[in-house]
């Protein structure tokens, strides 16, 4: 589920698809009705995932955690919505709760939200398979 790159662990979460439970899992964009990926209310109605620890195959554990979006976080939302924060117009974020790291929105046990959607870079300034400045850089959270 994650990929070890240097000292940082990345956890992959699929954003930009309708729910497989209420939709067909089809691709969707911020502002689109039924696109729960970008809607705070459905996230708040879930039990948060709890990322409590990770152990790599060699027995080591990550020293740092980082967040990255392949869509640009708030930039993706603002490209499709007139304002950030309305129905279907948020970008979910990582937070630290009493029970571990969470993903979605701020849950009742949130201790730190790392700037919410501001934790994601909004311009492509890192290299990748498509060349220089073709991907979004990660932001170290812990």
Protein backbone atom coordinates (compact mmCIF):
# COMPACT_ATOMS: atom_id res chain seq x y z
CA UNK A 1 0.00 0.00 0.00
CA UNK A 2 2.87 2.37 0.64
CA UNK A 3 6.14 2.99 -1.11
CA UNK A 4 9.44 3.54 0.69
CA UNK A 5 11.43 6.34 -0.85
CA UNK A 6 14.54 7.22 1.13
CA UNK A 7 13.42 7.95 4.66
CA UNK A 8 9.78 8.76 3.95
CA UNK A 9 6.72 6.51 3.82
CA UNK A 10 3.85 7.34 1.49
CA UNK A 11 0.37 5.95 1.99
CA UNK A 12 -1.70 5.90 -1.17
CA UNK A 13 -5.36 6.94 -1.08
CA UNK A 14 -7.51 7.11 -4.22
CA UNK A 15 -9.10 10.56 -4.62
CA UNK A 16 -11.28 11.64 -7.53
CA UNK A 17 -13.58 8.65 -7.88
CA UNK A 18 -17.23 8.16 -6.96
CA UNK A 19 -17.87 5.81 -4.07
CA UNK A 20 -18.03 2.18 -5.11
CA UNK A 21 -20.87 1.85 -2.59
CA UNK A 22 -23.06 4.74 -3.79
CA UNK A 23 -21.76 5.26 -7.33
CA UNK A 24 -19.86 3.23 -9.84
CA UNK A 25 -16.35 4.25 -8.84
CA UNK A 26 -16.17 6.46 -11.93
CA UNK A 27 -13.67 9.31 -12.20
CA UNK A 28 -15.02 12.62 -10.89
CA UNK A 29 -13.79 16.15 -10.24
CA UNK A 30 -14.27 18.65 -7.39
CA UNK A 31 -17.66 20.34 -7.49
CA UNK A 32 -19.32 17.37 -9.16
CA UNK A 33 -22.42 16.10 -7.34
CA UNK A 34 -21.88 12.62 -5.96
CA UNK A 35 -18.10 13.00 -5.81
CA UNK A 36 -17.65 12.23 -2.11
CA UNK A 37 -13.86 12.36 -2.43
CA UNK A 38 -14.13 16.14 -2.34
CA UNK A 39 -17.02 16.47 0.15
CA UNK A 40 -16.30 17.03 3.86
CA UNK A 41 -19.65 15.70 5.11
CA UNK A 42 -19.22 12.07 3.99
CA UNK A 43 -15.64 12.05 5.32
CA UNK A 44 -16.84 13.34 8.70
CA UNK A 45 -19.44 10.56 8.81
CA UNK A 46 -16.84 7.80 8.62
CA UNK A 47 -14.65 6.23 11.24
CA UNK A 48 -11.20 7.53 10.42
CA UNK A 49 -8.56 5.18 9.16
CA UNK A 50 -5.83 4.81 11.74
CA UNK A 51 -2.26 4.61 10.51
CA UNK A 52 -0.55 3.64 13.74
CA UNK A 53 2.76 2.27 12.53
CA UNK A 54 4.59 0.85 9.56
CA UNK A 55 7.34 -1.75 9.53
CA UNK A 56 9.38 -2.31 6.36
CA UNK A 57 10.57 -5.70 5.16
CA UNK A 58 13.99 -5.13 6.72
CA UNK A 59 12.38 -4.50 10.14
CA UNK A 60 12.99 -0.75 10.14
CA UNK A 61 10.33 1.90 10.66
CA UNK A 62 10.00 5.29 8.94
CA UNK A 63 11.54 8.26 10.68
CA UNK A 64 9.38 10.77 8.80
CA UNK A 65 5.90 10.90 7.22
CA UNK A 66 5.01 13.02 4.21
CA UNK A 67 1.94 13.93 2.17
CA UNK A 68 1.79 14.42 -1.58
CA UNK A 69 -1.02 14.76 -4.10
CA UNK A 70 -0.77 13.89 -7.76
CA UNK A 71 -3.62 16.36 -8.39
CA UNK A 72 -2.33 19.43 -6.56
CA UNK A 73 -4.63 19.49 -3.52
CA UNK A 74 -6.34 22.87 -3.31
CA UNK A 75 -5.19 23.73 -6.84
CA UNK A 76 -7.30 20.84 -8.18
CA UNK A 77 -10.32 22.02 -6.21
CA UNK A 78 -9.98 25.67 -7.24
CA UNK A 79 -9.62 24.64 -10.90
CA UNK A 80 -13.14 23.19 -10.71
CA UNK A 81 -14.95 25.12 -7.92
CA UNK A 82 -15.58 28.84 -7.55
CA UNK A 83 -14.38 28.70 -3.92
CA UNK A 84 -12.68 26.22 -1.61
CA UNK A 85 -14.73 24.64 1.18
CA UNK A 86 -18.25 24.27 -0.18
CA UNK A 87 -20.09 21.01 -0.90
CA UNK A 88 -17.87 18.73 -2.99
CA UNK A 89 -15.11 21.37 -2.91
CA UNK A 90 -12.51 20.26 -0.34
CA UNK A 91 -9.37 18.15 -0.65
CA UNK A 92 -9.03 15.55 2.15
CA UNK A 93 -5.94 15.70 4.33
CA UNK A 94 -3.86 13.77 6.80
CA UNK A 95 -4.15 14.59 10.49
CA UNK A 96 -2.72 13.23 13.71
CA UNK A 97 -5.28 12.01 16.21
CA UNK A 98 -5.02 10.40 19.62
CA UNK A 99 -5.38 6.99 17.92
CA UNK A 100 -2.86 7.55 15.10
CA UNK A 101 -2.67 9.29 11.75
CA UNK A 102 -6.02 9.77 10.00
CA UNK A 103 -7.11 10.71 6.50
CA UNK A 104 -10.16 12.71 5.45
CA UNK A 105 -11.10 15.72 7.58
CA UNK A 106 -10.51 16.79 11.18
CA UNK A 107 -12.09 14.12 13.39
CA UNK A 108 -13.06 14.60 17.07
CA UNK A 109 -9.70 13.27 18.34
CA UNK A 110 -7.56 15.44 16.02
CA UNK A 111 -4.44 16.79 17.71
CA UNK A 112 -2.78 18.32 14.64
CA UNK A 113 -4.06 18.78 11.10
CA UNK A 114 -0.84 19.96 9.40
CA UNK A 115 -2.63 22.88 7.73
CA UNK A 116 -5.43 20.69 6.36
CA UNK A 117 -5.36 20.79 2.52
CA UNK A 118 -2.49 23.28 2.65
CA UNK A 119 -0.23 20.30 3.41
CA UNK A 120 -0.15 19.56 -0.33
CA UNK A 121 2.02 21.42 -2.83
CA UNK A 122 -0.03 23.18 -5.52
CA UNK A 123 2.59 23.51 -8.26
CA UNK A 124 4.68 20.89 -10.01
CA UNK A 125 8.25 21.52 -8.89
CA UNK A 126 9.65 17.98 -8.63
CA UNK A 127 10.93 15.70 -11.34
CA UNK A 128 9.32 12.47 -12.35
CA UNK A 129 8.83 10.11 -15.25
CA UNK A 130 7.59 13.04 -17.36
CA UNK A 131 10.69 15.16 -16.75
CA UNK A 132 11.71 18.09 -14.59
CA UNK A 133 8.92 19.92 -12.75
CA UNK A 134 6.36 17.32 -13.79
CA UNK A 135 5.13 16.17 -10.37
CA UNK A 136 4.09 17.68 -7.07
CA UNK A 137 6.69 17.53 -4.29
CA UNK A 138 5.93 15.94 -0.93
CA UNK A 139 5.52 17.84 2.32
CA UNK A 140 7.08 16.22 5.40
CA UNK A 141 4.44 16.08 8.16
CA UNK A 142 6.41 14.32 10.87
